[in-house]
Amino acid sequence: MQKSNIKPGTDYALREKPSDPFQRVRVLAHVRGGRWKTEWLDPNLGLVDYVKSTPLIVPWQERRAWIEDEEAAQRFRRQSVEAGCVKDSPVDTAVG
């Protein structure tokens, strides 16, 4: 998430790796640069730590839509591979 879109006092979905489940955090304050003071609400209730802007994926209320978009992208990639459209294939080169 871009630093300019993050608002202190708002809950966000945080994820370190794409395969990890979302964690619910509340941004408390901007510290400096791209660092934010955050409080975990789930799963480590009460933990306060500093995180970068990057793992803050989306506001908590929008997480379901984000997950649906990710699942749709995965389905698209899977169907593309099944249809023979793999990276650097002739079809990929022609479309690109």
PDB file of N, CA and C in Angstrom:
ATOM      1  N   MET A   1       0.846  -1.164   0.000  1.00  0.00           N
ATOM      2  CA  MET A   1       0.000   0.000   0.000  1.00  0.00           C
ATOM      3  C   MET A   1       0.897   1.235   0.000  1.00  0.00           C
ATOM      4  N   GLN A   2       0.450   2.277  -0.689  1.00  0.00           N
ATOM      5  CA  GLN A   2       1.252   3.488  -0.746  1.00  0.00           C
ATOM      6  C   GLN A   2       1.132   4.273   0.551  1.00  0.00           C
ATOM      7  N   LYS A   3       2.251   4.846   0.939  1.00  0.00           N
ATOM      8  CA  LYS A   3       2.321   5.605   2.187  1.00  0.00           C
ATOM      9  C   LYS A   3       1.255   6.703   2.245  1.00  0.00           C
ATOM     10  N   SER A   4       0.993   7.361   1.134  1.00  0.00           N
ATOM     11  CA  SER A   4       0.034   8.468   1.117  1.00  0.00           C
ATOM     12  C   SER A   4      -1.398   8.027   1.361  1.00  0.00           C
ATOM     13  N   ASN A   5      -1.691   6.722   1.176  1.00  0.00           N
ATOM     14  CA  ASN A   5      -3.053   6.210   1.380  1.00  0.00           C
ATOM     15  C   ASN A   5      -3.290   5.669   2.780  1.00  0.00           C
ATOM     16  N   ILE A   6      -2.260   5.561   3.586  1.00  0.00           N
ATOM     17  CA  ILE A   6      -2.383   4.993   4.927  1.00  0.00           C
ATOM     18  C   ILE A   6      -2.773   6.089   5.906  1.00  0.00           C
ATOM     19  N   LYS A   7      -3.800   5.807   6.709  1.00  0.00           N
ATOM     20  CA  LYS A   7      -4.303   6.783   7.671  1.00  0.00           C
ATOM     21  C   LYS A   7      -4.216   6.210   9.082  1.00  0.00           C
ATOM     22  N   PRO A   8      -3.551   6.911  10.008  1.00  0.00           N
ATOM     23  CA  PRO A   8      -3.506   6.446  11.398  1.00  0.00           C
ATOM     24  C   PRO A   8      -4.918   6.306  11.966  1.00  0.00           C
ATOM     25  N   GLY A   9      -5.096   5.290  12.814  1.00  0.00           N
ATOM     26  CA  GLY A   9      -6.389   5.013  13.416  1.00  0.00           C
ATOM     27  C   GLY A   9      -7.244   4.066  12.599  1.00  0.00           C
ATOM     28  N   THR A  10      -6.756   3.631  11.448  1.00  0.00           N
ATOM     29  CA  THR A  10      -7.508   2.743  10.563  1.00  0.00           C
ATOM     30  C   THR A  10      -6.963   1.329  10.673  1.00  0.00           C
ATOM     31  N   ASP A  11      -7.852   0.332  10.550  1.00  0.00           N
ATOM     32  CA  ASP A  11      -7.453  -1.074  10.569  1.00  0.00           C
ATOM     33  C   ASP A  11      -7.068  -1.510   9.158  1.00  0.00           C
ATOM     34  N   TYR A  12      -6.005  -2.308   9.069  1.00  0.00           N
ATOM     35  CA  TYR A  12      -5.505  -2.792   7.785  1.00  0.00           C
ATOM     36  C   TYR A  12      -5.254  -4.287   7.836  1.00  0.00           C
ATOM     37  N   ALA A  13      -5.284  -4.905   6.663  1.00  0.00           N
ATOM     38  CA  ALA A  13      -4.894  -6.300   6.513  1.00  0.00           C
ATOM     39  C   ALA A  13      -3.402  -6.316   6.203  1.00  0.00           C
ATOM     40  N   LEU A  14      -2.646  -7.010   7.018  1.00  0.00           N
ATOM     41  CA  LEU A  14      -1.203  -7.086   6.871  1.00  0.00           C
ATOM     42  C   LEU A  14      -0.840  -8.512   6.474  1.00  0.00           C
ATOM     43  N   ARG A  15       0.100  -8.636   5.537  1.00  0.00           N
ATOM     44  CA  ARG A  15       0.550  -9.958   5.115  1.00  0.00           C
ATOM     45  C   ARG A  15       2.012  -9.858   4.699  1.00  0.00           C
ATOM     46  N   GLU A  16       2.854 -10.681   5.310  1.00  0.00           N
ATOM     47  CA  GLU A  16       4.293 -10.673   5.006  1.00  0.00           C
ATOM     48  C   GLU A  16       4.580 -11.332   3.659  1.00  0.00           C
ATOM     49  N   LYS A  17       3.980 -12.511   3.400  1.00  0.00           N
ATOM     50  CA  LYS A  17       4.171 -13.243   2.156  1.00  0.00           C
ATOM     51  C   LYS A  17       2.807 -13.468   1.506  1.00  0.00           C
ATOM     52  N   PRO A  18       2.765 -13.587   0.185  1.00  0.00           N
ATOM     53  CA  PRO A  18       1.476 -13.818  -0.484  1.00  0.00           C
ATOM     54  C   PRO A  18       0.751 -15.076  -0.013  1.00  0.00           C
ATOM     55  N   SER A  19       1.484 -16.070   0.467  1.00  0.00           N
ATOM     56  CA  SER A  19       0.847 -17.313   0.916  1.00  0.00           C
ATOM     57  C   SER A  19       0.339 -17.239   2.355  1.00  0.00           C
ATOM     58  N   ASP A  20       0.714 -16.200   3.095  1.00  0.00           N
ATOM     59  CA  ASP A  20       0.308 -16.059   4.495  1.00  0.00           C
ATOM     60  C   ASP A  20      -1.136 -15.550   4.595  1.00  0.00           C
ATOM     61  N   PRO A  21      -1.833 -15.928   5.674  1.00  0.00           N
ATOM     62  CA  PRO A  21      -3.161 -15.345   5.890  1.00  0.00           C
ATOM     63  C   PRO A  21      -3.036 -13.894   6.346  1.00  0.00           C
ATOM     64  N   PHE A  22      -4.117 -13.139   6.182  1.00  0.00           N
ATOM     65  CA  PHE A  22      -4.111 -11.749   6.621  1.00  0.00           C
ATOM     66  C   PHE A  22      -4.091 -11.666   8.140  1.00  0.00           C
ATOM     67  N   GLN A  23      -3.395 -10.649   8.647  1.00  0.00           N
ATOM     68  CA  GLN A  23      -3.424 -10.314  10.058  1.00  0.00           C
ATOM     69  C   GLN A  23      -4.068  -8.939  10.169  1.00  0.00           C
ATOM     70  N   ARG A  24      -4.869  -8.738  11.192  1.00  0.00           N
ATOM     71  CA  ARG A  24      -5.538  -7.455  11.371  1.00  0.00           C
ATOM     72  C   ARG A  24      -4.713  -6.571  12.290  1.00  0.00           C
ATOM     73  N   VAL A  25      -4.359  -5.391  11.782  1.00  0.00           N
ATOM     74  CA  VAL A  25      -3.576  -4.436  12.562  1.00  0.00           C
ATOM     75  C   VAL A  25      -4.237  -3.063  12.490  1.00  0.00           C
ATOM     76  N   ARG A  26      -3.960  -2.256  13.479  1.00  0.00           N
ATOM     77  CA  ARG A  26      -4.408  -0.861  13.477  1.00  0.00           C
ATOM     78  C   ARG A  26      -3.163   0.021  13.431  1.00  0.00           C
ATOM     79  N   VAL A  27      -3.126   0.902  12.455  1.00  0.00           N
ATOM     80  CA  VAL A  27      -2.007   1.831  12.344  1.00  0.00           C
ATOM     81  C   VAL A  27      -2.216   2.930  13.377  1.00  0.00           C
ATOM     82  N   LEU A  28      -1.220   3.116  14.231  1.00  0.00           N
ATOM     83  CA  LEU A  28      -1.317   4.110  15.291  1.00  0.00           C
ATOM     84  C   LEU A  28      -0.711   5.449  14.885  1.00  0.00           C
ATOM     85  N   ALA A  29       0.448   5.393  14.223  1.00  0.00           N
ATOM     86  CA  ALA A  29       1.120   6.645  13.868  1.00  0.00           C
ATOM     87  C   ALA A  29       2.185   6.391  12.813  1.00  0.00           C
ATOM     88  N   HIS A  30       2.477   7.438  12.062  1.00  0.00           N
ATOM     89  CA  HIS A  30       3.585   7.395  11.120  1.00  0.00           C
ATOM     90  C   HIS A  30       4.852   7.697  11.901  1.00  0.00           C
ATOM     91  N   VAL A  31       5.885   6.893  11.725  1.00  0.00           N
ATOM     92  CA  VAL A  31       7.122   7.086  12.470  1.00  0.00           C
ATOM     93  C   VAL A  31       8.100   7.912  11.648  1.00  0.00           C
ATOM     94  N   ARG A  32       8.511   7.373  10.514  1.00  0.00           N
ATOM     95  CA  ARG A  32       9.381   8.105   9.583  1.00  0.00           C
ATOM     96  C   ARG A  32       9.495   7.284   8.313  1.00  0.00           C
ATOM     97  N   GLY A  33       9.766   7.964   7.225  1.00  0.00           N
ATOM     98  CA  GLY A  33       9.891   7.267   5.940  1.00  0.00           C
ATOM     99  C   GLY A  33       8.660   6.419   5.663  1.00  0.00           C
ATOM    100  N   GLY A  34       8.877   5.148   5.434  1.00  0.00           N
ATOM    101  CA  GLY A  34       7.778   4.228   5.176  1.00  0.00           C
ATOM    102  C   GLY A  34       7.459   3.347   6.364  1.00  0.00           C
ATOM    103  N   ARG A  35       7.765   3.791   7.571  1.00  0.00           N
ATOM    104  CA  ARG A  35       7.525   2.989   8.787  1.00  0.00           C
ATOM    105  C   ARG A  35       6.327   3.512   9.561  1.00  0.00           C
ATOM    106  N   TRP A  36       5.573   2.550  10.097  1.00  0.00           N
ATOM    107  CA  TRP A  36       4.353   2.855  10.841  1.00  0.00           C
ATOM    108  C   TRP A  36       4.336   2.096  12.155  1.00  0.00           C
ATOM    109  N   LYS A  37       3.876   2.765  13.195  1.00  0.00           N
ATOM    110  CA  LYS A  37       3.667   2.106  14.486  1.00  0.00           C
ATOM    111  C   LYS A  37       2.292   1.457  14.407  1.00  0.00           C
ATOM    112  N   THR A  38       2.237   0.148  14.640  1.00  0.00           N
ATOM    113  CA  THR A  38       0.972  -0.580  14.503  1.00  0.00           C
ATOM    114  C   THR A  38       0.690  -1.417  15.739  1.00  0.00           C
ATOM    115  N   GLU A  39      -0.587  -1.655  15.955  1.00  0.00           N
ATOM    116  CA  GLU A  39      -1.042  -2.532  17.038  1.00  0.00           C
ATOM    117  C   GLU A  39      -1.794  -3.692  16.409  1.00  0.00           C
ATOM    118  N   TRP A  40      -1.426  -4.916  16.784  1.00  0.00           N
ATOM    119  CA  TRP A  40      -2.098  -6.096  16.260  1.00  0.00           C
ATOM    120  C   TRP A  40      -3.434  -6.291  16.962  1.00  0.00           C
ATOM    121  N   LEU A  41      -4.447  -6.583  16.182  1.00  0.00           N
ATOM    122  CA  LEU A  41      -5.769  -6.893  16.713  1.00  0.00           C
ATOM    123  C   LEU A  41      -6.071  -8.383  16.570  1.00  0.00           C
ATOM    124  N   ASP A  42      -5.459  -9.016  15.570  1.00  0.00           N
ATOM    125  CA  ASP A  42      -5.624 -10.444  15.351  1.00  0.00           C
ATOM    126  C   ASP A  42      -4.443 -10.918  14.527  1.00  0.00           C
ATOM    127  N   PRO A  43      -3.688 -11.870  14.870  1.00  0.00           N
ATOM    128  CA  PRO A  43      -3.872 -12.852  15.919  1.00  0.00           C
ATOM    129  C   PRO A  43      -3.177 -12.515  17.238  1.00  0.00           C
ATOM    130  N   ASN A  44      -2.272 -11.569  17.288  1.00  0.00           N
ATOM    131  CA  ASN A  44      -1.496 -11.265  18.497  1.00  0.00           C
ATOM    132  C   ASN A  44      -2.023 -10.001  19.164  1.00  0.00           C
ATOM    133  N   LEU A  45      -3.175 -10.089  19.758  1.00  0.00           N
ATOM    134  CA  LEU A  45      -3.863  -8.939  20.338  1.00  0.00           C
ATOM    135  C   LEU A  45      -2.950  -8.156  21.281  1.00  0.00           C
ATOM    136  N   GLY A  46      -2.839  -6.847  21.010  1.00  0.00           N
ATOM    137  CA  GLY A  46      -2.086  -5.965  21.878  1.00  0.00           C
ATOM    138  C   GLY A  46      -0.625  -5.761  21.520  1.00  0.00           C
ATOM    139  N   LEU A  47      -0.086  -6.600  20.642  1.00  0.00           N
ATOM    140  CA  LEU A  47       1.305  -6.444  20.233  1.00  0.00           C
ATOM    141  C   LEU A  47       1.460  -5.127  19.479  1.00  0.00           C
ATOM    142  N   VAL A  48       2.443  -4.327  19.859  1.00  0.00           N
ATOM    143  CA  VAL A  48       2.731  -3.064  19.171  1.00  0.00           C
ATOM    144  C   VAL A  48       4.121  -3.199  18.560  1.00  0.00           C
ATOM    145  N   ASP A  49       4.206  -2.895  17.276  1.00  0.00           N
ATOM    146  CA  ASP A  49       5.471  -3.031  16.564  1.00  0.00           C
ATOM    147  C   ASP A  49       5.508  -2.022  15.428  1.00  0.00           C
ATOM    148  N   TYR A  50       6.646  -1.945  14.778  1.00  0.00           N
ATOM    149  CA  TYR A  50       6.825  -1.026  13.659  1.00  0.00           C
ATOM    150  C   TYR A  50       6.902  -1.840  12.375  1.00  0.00           C
ATOM    151  N   VAL A  51       6.137  -1.435  11.369  1.00  0.00           N
ATOM    152  CA  VAL A  51       6.137  -2.142  10.090  1.00  0.00           C
ATOM    153  C   VAL A  51       6.317  -1.150   8.953  1.00  0.00           C
ATOM    154  N   LYS A  52       6.764  -1.670   7.820  1.00  0.00           N
ATOM    155  CA  LYS A  52       6.874  -0.860   6.619  1.00  0.00           C
ATOM    156  C   LYS A  52       5.504  -0.782   5.950  1.00  0.00           C
ATOM    157  N   SER A  53       5.380   0.097   4.982  1.00  0.00           N
ATOM    158  CA  SER A  53       4.128   0.262   4.256  1.00  0.00           C
ATOM    159  C   SER A  53       3.800  -0.955   3.398  1.00  0.00           C
ATOM    160  N   THR A  54       4.822  -1.646   2.908  1.00  0.00           N
ATOM    161  CA  THR A  54       4.632  -2.732   1.947  1.00  0.00           C
ATOM    162  C   THR A  54       3.720  -3.856   2.425  1.00  0.00           C
ATOM    163  N   PRO A  55       3.875  -4.413   3.639  1.00  0.00           N
ATOM    164  CA  PRO A  55       2.988  -5.513   4.021  1.00  0.00           C
ATOM    165  C   PRO A  55       1.565  -5.077   4.387  1.00  0.00           C
ATOM    166  N   LEU A  56       1.312  -3.772   4.470  1.00  0.00           N
ATOM    167  CA  LEU A  56      -0.053  -3.302   4.683  1.00  0.00           C
ATOM    168  C   LEU A  56      -0.746  -3.355   3.321  1.00  0.00           C
ATOM    169  N   ILE A  57      -1.574  -4.358   3.134  1.00  0.00           N
ATOM    170  CA  ILE A  57      -2.106  -4.663   1.815  1.00  0.00           C
ATOM    171  C   ILE A  57      -3.306  -3.803   1.458  1.00  0.00           C
ATOM    172  N   VAL A  58      -4.293  -3.758   2.344  1.00  0.00           N
ATOM    173  CA  VAL A  58      -5.558  -3.126   2.019  1.00  0.00           C
ATOM    174  C   VAL A  58      -6.290  -2.802   3.325  1.00  0.00           C
ATOM    175  N   PRO A  59      -7.148  -1.771   3.349  1.00  0.00           N
ATOM    176  CA  PRO A  59      -7.950  -1.551   4.558  1.00  0.00           C
ATOM    177  C   PRO A  59      -8.740  -2.822   4.901  1.00  0.00           C
ATOM    178  N   TRP A  60      -8.907  -3.067   6.175  1.00  0.00           N
ATOM    179  CA  TRP A  60      -9.514  -4.316   6.643  1.00  0.00           C
ATOM    180  C   TRP A  60     -10.891  -4.556   6.027  1.00  0.00           C
ATOM    181  N   GLN A  61     -11.684  -3.523   5.835  1.00  0.00           N
ATOM    182  CA  GLN A  61     -13.028  -3.681   5.283  1.00  0.00           C
ATOM    183  C   GLN A  61     -13.007  -4.146   3.832  1.00  0.00           C
ATOM    184  N   GLU A  62     -11.894  -3.955   3.129  1.00  0.00           N
ATOM    185  CA  GLU A  62     -11.807  -4.302   1.719  1.00  0.00           C
ATOM    186  C   GLU A  62     -11.078  -5.620   1.468  1.00  0.00           C
ATOM    187  N   ARG A  63     -10.753  -6.356   2.520  1.00  0.00           N
ATOM    188  CA  ARG A  63      -9.944  -7.558   2.368  1.00  0.00           C
ATOM    189  C   ARG A  63     -10.649  -8.658   1.572  1.00  0.00           C
ATOM    190  N   ARG A  64     -11.963  -8.802   1.730  1.00  0.00           N
ATOM    191  CA  ARG A  64     -12.679  -9.855   0.994  1.00  0.00           C
ATOM    192  C   ARG A  64     -12.627  -9.613  -0.508  1.00  0.00           C
ATOM    193  N   ALA A  65     -12.816  -8.372  -0.917  1.00  0.00           N
ATOM    194  CA  ALA A  65     -12.728  -8.037  -2.340  1.00  0.00           C
ATOM    195  C   ALA A  65     -11.313  -8.303  -2.854  1.00  0.00           C
ATOM    196  N   TRP A  66     -10.312  -7.990  -2.051  1.00  0.00           N
ATOM    197  CA  TRP A  66      -8.919  -8.229  -2.437  1.00  0.00           C
ATOM    198  C   TRP A  66      -8.679  -9.718  -2.640  1.00  0.00           C
ATOM    199  N   ILE A  67      -9.180 -10.541  -1.714  1.00  0.00           N
ATOM    200  CA  ILE A  67      -9.010 -11.993  -1.811  1.00  0.00           C
ATOM    201  C   ILE A  67      -9.711 -12.526  -3.056  1.00  0.00           C
ATOM    202  N   GLU A  68     -10.912 -12.035  -3.343  1.00  0.00           N
ATOM    203  CA  GLU A  68     -11.634 -12.467  -4.544  1.00  0.00           C
ATOM    204  C   GLU A  68     -10.854 -12.109  -5.804  1.00  0.00           C
ATOM    205  N   ASP A  69     -10.249 -10.931  -5.835  1.00  0.00           N
ATOM    206  CA  ASP A  69      -9.438 -10.532  -6.988  1.00  0.00           C
ATOM    207  C   ASP A  69      -8.215 -11.434  -7.143  1.00  0.00           C
ATOM    208  N   GLU A  70      -7.573 -11.777  -6.033  1.00  0.00           N
ATOM    209  CA  GLU A  70      -6.413 -12.669  -6.095  1.00  0.00           C
ATOM    210  C   GLU A  70      -6.815 -14.048  -6.616  1.00  0.00           C
ATOM    211  N   GLU A  71      -7.954 -14.558  -6.132  1.00  0.00           N
ATOM    212  CA  GLU A  71      -8.420 -15.874  -6.581  1.00  0.00           C
ATOM    213  C   GLU A  71      -8.764 -15.850  -8.064  1.00  0.00           C
ATOM    214  N   ALA A  72      -9.372 -14.768  -8.533  1.00  0.00           N
ATOM    215  CA  ALA A  72      -9.694 -14.647  -9.958  1.00  0.00           C
ATOM    216  C   ALA A  72      -8.412 -14.610 -10.795  1.00  0.00           C
ATOM    217  N   ALA A  73      -7.394 -13.914 -10.324  1.00  0.00           N
ATOM    218  CA  ALA A  73      -6.119 -13.854 -11.045  1.00  0.00           C
ATOM    219  C   ALA A  73      -5.458 -15.234 -11.091  1.00  0.00           C
ATOM    220  N   GLN A  74      -5.549 -15.994  -9.992  1.00  0.00           N
ATOM    221  CA  GLN A  74      -4.986 -17.339  -9.976  1.00  0.00           C
ATOM    222  C   GLN A  74      -5.716 -18.249 -10.957  1.00  0.00           C
ATOM    223  N   ARG A  75      -7.050 -18.147 -11.008  1.00  0.00           N
ATOM    224  CA  ARG A  75      -7.828 -18.936 -11.966  1.00  0.00           C
ATOM    225  C   ARG A  75      -7.431 -18.584 -13.396  1.00  0.00           C
ATOM    226  N   PHE A  76      -7.256 -17.293 -13.669  1.00  0.00           N
ATOM    227  CA  PHE A  76      -6.864 -16.845 -15.003  1.00  0.00           C
ATOM    228  C   PHE A  76      -5.503 -17.410 -15.396  1.00  0.00           C
ATOM    229  N   ARG A  77      -4.539 -17.339 -14.467  1.00  0.00           N
ATOM    230  CA  ARG A  77      -3.209 -17.875 -14.755  1.00  0.00           C
ATOM    231  C   ARG A  77      -3.263 -19.383 -15.007  1.00  0.00           C
ATOM    232  N   ARG A  78      -4.045 -20.085 -14.195  1.00  0.00           N
ATOM    233  CA  ARG A  78      -4.173 -21.531 -14.348  1.00  0.00           C
ATOM    234  C   ARG A  78      -4.800 -21.885 -15.697  1.00  0.00           C
ATOM    235  N   GLN A  79      -5.857 -21.172 -16.079  1.00  0.00           N
ATOM    236  CA  GLN A  79      -6.508 -21.420 -17.361  1.00  0.00           C
ATOM    237  C   GLN A  79      -5.582 -21.067 -18.522  1.00  0.00           C
ATOM    238  N   SER A  80      -4.778 -20.038 -18.360  1.00  0.00           N
ATOM    239  CA  SER A  80      -3.836 -19.657 -19.412  1.00  0.00           C
ATOM    240  C   SER A  80      -2.793 -20.744 -19.631  1.00  0.00           C
ATOM    241  N   VAL A  81      -2.288 -21.314 -18.543  1.00  0.00           N
ATOM    242  CA  VAL A  81      -1.308 -22.389 -18.649  1.00  0.00           C
ATOM    243  C   VAL A  81      -1.950 -23.606 -19.309  1.00  0.00           C
ATOM    244  N   GLU A  82      -3.190 -23.924 -18.917  1.00  0.00           N
ATOM    245  CA  GLU A  82      -3.884 -25.064 -19.514  1.00  0.00           C
ATOM    246  C   GLU A  82      -4.111 -24.859 -21.010  1.00  0.00           C
ATOM    247  N   ALA A  83      -4.275 -23.604 -21.427  1.00  0.00           N
ATOM    248  CA  ALA A  83      -4.492 -23.297 -22.843  1.00  0.00           C
ATOM    249  C   ALA A  83      -3.182 -23.194 -23.614  1.00  0.00           C
ATOM    250  N   GLY A  84      -2.055 -23.359 -22.916  1.00  0.00           N
ATOM    251  CA  GLY A  84      -0.760 -23.326 -23.579  1.00  0.00           C
ATOM    252  C   GLY A  84      -0.105 -21.958 -23.596  1.00  0.00           C
ATOM    253  N   CYS A  85      -0.636 -21.019 -22.873  1.00  0.00           N
ATOM    254  CA  CYS A  85      -0.056 -19.676 -22.821  1.00  0.00           C
ATOM    255  C   CYS A  85       0.877 -19.577 -21.625  1.00  0.00           C
ATOM    256  N   VAL A  86       2.096 -19.990 -21.822  1.00  0.00           N
ATOM    257  CA  VAL A  86       3.085 -19.889 -20.754  1.00  0.00           C
ATOM    258  C   VAL A  86       4.050 -18.755 -21.100  1.00  0.00           C
ATOM    259  N   LYS A  87       4.757 -18.280 -20.120  1.00  0.00           N
ATOM    260  CA  LYS A  87       5.675 -17.159 -20.325  1.00  0.00           C
ATOM    261  C   LYS A  87       6.709 -17.493 -21.396  1.00  0.00           C
ATOM    262  N   ASP A  88       6.919 -16.529 -22.275  1.00  0.00           N
ATOM    263  CA  ASP A  88       7.867 -16.628 -23.379  1.00  0.00           C
ATOM    264  C   ASP A  88       7.481 -17.656 -24.432  1.00  0.00           C
ATOM    265  N   SER A  89       6.235 -18.125 -24.400  1.00  0.00           N
ATOM    266  CA  SER A  89       5.778 -19.011 -25.477  1.00  0.00           C
ATOM    267  C   SER A  89       5.449 -18.142 -26.693  1.00  0.00           C
ATOM    268  N   PRO A  90       5.265 -18.745 -27.862  1.00  0.00           N
ATOM    269  CA  PRO A  90       4.895 -17.963 -29.048  1.00  0.00           C
ATOM    270  C   PRO A  90       3.598 -17.180 -28.852  1.00  0.00           C
ATOM    271  N   VAL A  91       2.630 -17.768 -28.167  1.00  0.00           N
ATOM    272  CA  VAL A  91       1.368 -17.074 -27.927  1.00  0.00           C
ATOM    273  C   VAL A  91       1.586 -15.874 -27.012  1.00  0.00           C
ATOM    274  N   ASP A  92       2.382 -16.063 -25.962  1.00  0.00           N
ATOM    275  CA  ASP A  92       2.686 -14.956 -25.042  1.00  0.00           C
ATOM    276  C   ASP A  92       3.408 -13.830 -25.763  1.00  0.00           C
ATOM    277  N   THR A  93       4.345 -14.180 -26.605  1.00  0.00           N
ATOM    278  CA  THR A  93       5.092 -13.167 -27.352  1.00  0.00           C
ATOM    279  C   THR A  93       4.175 -12.419 -28.311  1.00  0.00           C
ATOM    280  N   ALA A  94       3.279 -13.143 -28.983  1.00  0.00           N
ATOM    281  CA  ALA A  94       2.359 -12.507 -29.932  1.00  0.00           C
ATOM    282  C   ALA A  94       1.397 -11.555 -29.222  1.00  0.00           C
ATOM    283  N   VAL A  95       0.872 -11.978 -28.083  1.00  0.00           N
ATOM    284  CA  VAL A  95      -0.068 -11.125 -27.336  1.00  0.00           C
ATOM    285  C   VAL A  95       0.659  -9.927 -26.761  1.00  0.00           C
ATOM    286  N   GLY A  96       1.878 -10.146 -26.274  1.00  0.00           N
ATOM    287  CA  GLY A  96       2.649  -9.058 -25.686  1.00  0.00           C
ATOM    288  C   GLY A  96       3.041  -8.038 -26.707  1.00  0.00           C
TER     289      GLY A  96
END
